[in-house]
């Protein structure tokens, strides 16, 4: 996928971390086969909007995947806003973007009345990487 293609070292770190986590905790299961991300969120709308924020609990230099879903006109709304870069990006239904959500403020714009927008997000909490790096133990 795009993550492995555009950030192979980061993807490999996520993949190795998930493998170690699952080996050490066999009761855990991946959300999706071969997914490098530990967590998944489905935001079911019907008009999902996220306000400007950073996901400070995620790995600071890591990536998350956000997919826009629904039935809306992407020329009039549902745009992805990357505040730190000063960008407003057309983000149509079915599109996926990879962003460093822990350090980049992001949001999306409203959609029209009668339209629907949902989102599907995959990410990994920074604490999971610390847990694995510490030999499947906390800092304490």
C-alpha atoms as a PDB file:
ATOM      1  CA  UNK A   1       0.000   0.000   0.000  1.00  0.00           C
ATOM      2  CA  UNK A   2       0.824   3.670   0.065  1.00  0.00           C
ATOM      3  CA  UNK A   3       2.341   3.596   3.549  1.00  0.00           C
ATOM      4  CA  UNK A   4       4.920   0.926   2.614  1.00  0.00           C
ATOM      5  CA  UNK A   5       5.640   2.665  -0.701  1.00  0.00           C
ATOM      6  CA  UNK A   6       6.121   6.233   0.519  1.00  0.00           C
ATOM      7  CA  UNK A   7       7.539   5.652   4.007  1.00  0.00           C
ATOM      8  CA  UNK A   8       9.083   2.165   3.950  1.00  0.00           C
ATOM      9  CA  UNK A   9      11.190   2.560   7.101  1.00  0.00           C
ATOM     10  CA  UNK A  10       8.281   3.944   9.107  1.00  0.00           C
ATOM     11  CA  UNK A  11       5.987   1.237   7.750  1.00  0.00           C
ATOM     12  CA  UNK A  12       8.560  -1.406   8.706  1.00  0.00           C
ATOM     13  CA  UNK A  13       8.773  -0.005  12.245  1.00  0.00           C
ATOM     14  CA  UNK A  14       4.968  -0.159  12.578  1.00  0.00           C
ATOM     15  CA  UNK A  15       4.894  -3.681  11.124  1.00  0.00           C
ATOM     16  CA  UNK A  16       7.682  -4.978  13.401  1.00  0.00           C
ATOM     17  CA  UNK A  17       6.037  -3.352  16.424  1.00  0.00           C
ATOM     18  CA  UNK A  18       2.698  -5.003  15.648  1.00  0.00           C
ATOM     19  CA  UNK A  19       4.395  -8.378  15.135  1.00  0.00           C
ATOM     20  CA  UNK A  20       6.168  -8.100  18.511  1.00  0.00           C
ATOM     21  CA  UNK A  21       3.007  -6.915  20.250  1.00  0.00           C
ATOM     22  CA  UNK A  22       0.954  -9.800  18.855  1.00  0.00           C
ATOM     23  CA  UNK A  23       3.678 -12.360  19.620  1.00  0.00           C
ATOM     24  CA  UNK A  24       3.830 -11.167  23.225  1.00  0.00           C
ATOM     25  CA  UNK A  25       0.054 -10.976  23.630  1.00  0.00           C
ATOM     26  CA  UNK A  26      -1.434 -13.860  21.598  1.00  0.00           C
ATOM     27  CA  UNK A  27      -4.961 -12.993  22.770  1.00  0.00           C
ATOM     28  CA  UNK A  28      -4.811  -9.829  20.625  1.00  0.00           C
ATOM     29  CA  UNK A  29      -5.898  -9.837  16.980  1.00  0.00           C
ATOM     30  CA  UNK A  30      -5.280  -7.456  14.101  1.00  0.00           C
ATOM     31  CA  UNK A  31      -8.227  -5.375  13.004  1.00  0.00           C
ATOM     32  CA  UNK A  32      -7.405  -6.255   9.385  1.00  0.00           C
ATOM     33  CA  UNK A  33      -5.048  -8.826   7.903  1.00  0.00           C
ATOM     34  CA  UNK A  34      -1.520  -7.423   7.503  1.00  0.00           C
ATOM     35  CA  UNK A  35      -2.498  -3.957   8.749  1.00  0.00           C
ATOM     36  CA  UNK A  36       0.440  -2.139  10.349  1.00  0.00           C
ATOM     37  CA  UNK A  37      -1.928  -0.078  12.516  1.00  0.00           C
ATOM     38  CA  UNK A  38      -3.180  -1.211  15.903  1.00  0.00           C
ATOM     39  CA  UNK A  39      -6.295   0.956  16.115  1.00  0.00           C
ATOM     40  CA  UNK A  40      -9.297   1.708  13.928  1.00  0.00           C
ATOM     41  CA  UNK A  41     -12.059   4.290  14.286  1.00  0.00           C
ATOM     42  CA  UNK A  42     -15.285   4.381  12.297  1.00  0.00           C
ATOM     43  CA  UNK A  43     -17.027   7.753  12.520  1.00  0.00           C
ATOM     44  CA  UNK A  44     -20.543   7.095  11.309  1.00  0.00           C
ATOM     45  CA  UNK A  45     -21.846  10.598  10.885  1.00  0.00           C
ATOM     46  CA  UNK A  46     -24.220  11.125   9.298  1.00  0.00           C
ATOM     47  CA  UNK A  47     -22.192  14.315   8.765  1.00  0.00           C
ATOM     48  CA  UNK A  48     -18.818  13.542  10.325  1.00  0.00           C
ATOM     49  CA  UNK A  49     -16.716  16.642  10.912  1.00  0.00           C
ATOM     50  CA  UNK A  50     -13.511  16.867  12.877  1.00  0.00           C
ATOM     51  CA  UNK A  51     -12.501  20.224  14.265  1.00  0.00           C
ATOM     52  CA  UNK A  52      -8.876  21.437  14.210  1.00  0.00           C
ATOM     53  CA  UNK A  53      -6.787  19.121  16.381  1.00  0.00           C
ATOM     54  CA  UNK A  54      -3.630  17.056  16.691  1.00  0.00           C
ATOM     55  CA  UNK A  55      -3.680  13.429  17.822  1.00  0.00           C
ATOM     56  CA  UNK A  56      -1.073  13.921  20.546  1.00  0.00           C
ATOM     57  CA  UNK A  57      -1.311  10.319  21.761  1.00  0.00           C
ATOM     58  CA  UNK A  58      -0.079   8.913  18.438  1.00  0.00           C
ATOM     59  CA  UNK A  59       3.553   8.261  17.529  1.00  0.00           C
ATOM     60  CA  UNK A  60       4.940  11.780  16.883  1.00  0.00           C
ATOM     61  CA  UNK A  61       6.771  10.887  13.669  1.00  0.00           C
ATOM     62  CA  UNK A  62       4.250   8.243  12.619  1.00  0.00           C
ATOM     63  CA  UNK A  63       1.422   8.300  10.140  1.00  0.00           C
ATOM     64  CA  UNK A  64      -2.277   7.596  10.302  1.00  0.00           C
ATOM     65  CA  UNK A  65      -4.596   6.749   7.429  1.00  0.00           C
ATOM     66  CA  UNK A  66      -7.873   8.639   7.014  1.00  0.00           C
ATOM     67  CA  UNK A  67     -10.476   7.553   4.458  1.00  0.00           C
ATOM     68  CA  UNK A  68     -13.474   9.723   3.556  1.00  0.00           C
ATOM     69  CA  UNK A  69     -16.736   7.918   2.889  1.00  0.00           C
ATOM     70  CA  UNK A  70     -20.305   8.961   2.165  1.00  0.00           C
ATOM     71  CA  UNK A  71     -22.349  10.782  -0.423  1.00  0.00           C
ATOM     72  CA  UNK A  72     -21.283  14.419  -0.661  1.00  0.00           C
ATOM     73  CA  UNK A  73     -20.056  16.850  -3.291  1.00  0.00           C
ATOM     74  CA  UNK A  74     -16.294  17.173  -2.658  1.00  0.00           C
ATOM     75  CA  UNK A  75     -16.170  20.379  -4.698  1.00  0.00           C
ATOM     76  CA  UNK A  76     -18.352  22.103  -2.093  1.00  0.00           C
ATOM     77  CA  UNK A  77     -17.349  20.490   1.217  1.00  0.00           C
ATOM     78  CA  UNK A  78     -15.610  17.731   3.115  1.00  0.00           C
ATOM     79  CA  UNK A  79     -12.182  19.174   2.334  1.00  0.00           C
ATOM     80  CA  UNK A  80      -9.167  18.152   4.410  1.00  0.00           C
ATOM     81  CA  UNK A  81      -7.499  21.138   6.088  1.00  0.00           C
ATOM     82  CA  UNK A  82      -3.825  20.887   7.060  1.00  0.00           C
ATOM     83  CA  UNK A  83      -3.498  24.004   9.173  1.00  0.00           C
ATOM     84  CA  UNK A  84       0.282  23.996   9.685  1.00  0.00           C
ATOM     85  CA  UNK A  85       0.861  23.835   5.941  1.00  0.00           C
ATOM     86  CA  UNK A  86      -1.896  26.300   5.062  1.00  0.00           C
ATOM     87  CA  UNK A  87      -3.521  23.742   2.757  1.00  0.00           C
ATOM     88  CA  UNK A  88      -7.161  22.980   1.998  1.00  0.00           C
ATOM     89  CA  UNK A  89      -7.325  19.759  -0.013  1.00  0.00           C
ATOM     90  CA  UNK A  90     -10.246  18.343  -1.995  1.00  0.00           C
ATOM     91  CA  UNK A  91     -10.998  15.040  -0.232  1.00  0.00           C
ATOM     92  CA  UNK A  92     -13.690  13.086  -2.123  1.00  0.00           C
ATOM     93  CA  UNK A  93     -15.527   9.987  -0.900  1.00  0.00           C
ATOM     94  CA  UNK A  94     -13.288   6.928  -1.208  1.00  0.00           C
ATOM     95  CA  UNK A  95     -10.042   8.905  -0.964  1.00  0.00           C
ATOM     96  CA  UNK A  96      -7.416   8.009   1.632  1.00  0.00           C
ATOM     97  CA  UNK A  97      -4.691  10.278   2.969  1.00  0.00           C
ATOM     98  CA  UNK A  98      -1.677   9.475   5.147  1.00  0.00           C
ATOM     99  CA  UNK A  99      -0.749  12.244   7.587  1.00  0.00           C
ATOM    100  CA  UNK A 100       1.480  12.661  10.651  1.00  0.00           C
ATOM    101  CA  UNK A 101      -1.578  13.399  12.781  1.00  0.00           C
ATOM    102  CA  UNK A 102       0.294  13.666  16.095  1.00  0.00           C
ATOM    103  CA  UNK A 103       2.188  16.775  15.002  1.00  0.00           C
ATOM    104  CA  UNK A 104       0.088  18.283  12.205  1.00  0.00           C
ATOM    105  CA  UNK A 105      -3.099  20.153  13.053  1.00  0.00           C
ATOM    106  CA  UNK A 106      -5.883  18.906  10.797  1.00  0.00           C
ATOM    107  CA  UNK A 107      -9.648  19.059  10.329  1.00  0.00           C
ATOM    108  CA  UNK A 108     -12.252  18.851   7.609  1.00  0.00           C
ATOM    109  CA  UNK A 109     -14.884  21.245   6.319  1.00  0.00           C
ATOM    110  CA  UNK A 110     -18.659  20.963   6.570  1.00  0.00           C
ATOM    111  CA  UNK A 111     -20.706  19.299   3.844  1.00  0.00           C
ATOM    112  CA  UNK A 112     -24.069  20.303   2.412  1.00  0.00           C
ATOM    113  CA  UNK A 113     -27.509  19.750   3.878  1.00  0.00           C
ATOM    114  CA  UNK A 114     -28.844  16.308   2.996  1.00  0.00           C
ATOM    115  CA  UNK A 115     -25.362  14.957   2.250  1.00  0.00           C
ATOM    116  CA  UNK A 116     -23.566  12.289   4.284  1.00  0.00           C
ATOM    117  CA  UNK A 117     -19.927  11.955   5.278  1.00  0.00           C
ATOM    118  CA  UNK A 118     -18.278   9.231   7.320  1.00  0.00           C
ATOM    119  CA  UNK A 119     -14.647   8.551   8.071  1.00  0.00           C
ATOM    120  CA  UNK A 120     -12.512   5.487   8.604  1.00  0.00           C
ATOM    121  CA  UNK A 121      -9.223   6.098  10.418  1.00  0.00           C
ATOM    122  CA  UNK A 122      -6.333   3.764  11.212  1.00  0.00           C
ATOM    123  CA  UNK A 123      -3.572   4.726  13.656  1.00  0.00           C
ATOM    124  CA  UNK A 124      -1.334   3.431  16.439  1.00  0.00           C
ATOM    125  CA  UNK A 125      -1.007   4.997  19.870  1.00  0.00           C
ATOM    126  CA  UNK A 126       2.504   6.041  20.834  1.00  0.00           C
ATOM    127  CA  UNK A 127       2.224   4.062  24.058  1.00  0.00           C
ATOM    128  CA  UNK A 128       2.163   0.795  22.105  1.00  0.00           C
ATOM    129  CA  UNK A 129       5.583   1.557  20.632  1.00  0.00           C
ATOM    130  CA  UNK A 130       6.969   2.403  24.102  1.00  0.00           C
ATOM    131  CA  UNK A 131       5.481  -0.834  25.473  1.00  0.00           C
ATOM    132  CA  UNK A 132       7.189  -2.937  22.800  1.00  0.00           C
ATOM    133  CA  UNK A 133      10.491  -0.989  22.995  1.00  0.00           C
ATOM    134  CA  UNK A 134      10.510  -1.609  26.769  1.00  0.00           C
ATOM    135  CA  UNK A 135      10.245  -5.368  26.298  1.00  0.00           C
ATOM    136  CA  UNK A 136       6.444  -5.489  26.662  1.00  0.00           C
ATOM    137  CA  UNK A 137       6.571  -3.549  29.916  1.00  0.00           C
ATOM    138  CA  UNK A 138       5.734  -0.021  31.063  1.00  0.00           C
ATOM    139  CA  UNK A 139       8.310   2.630  31.964  1.00  0.00           C
ATOM    140  CA  UNK A 140       7.661   2.007  35.663  1.00  0.00           C
END
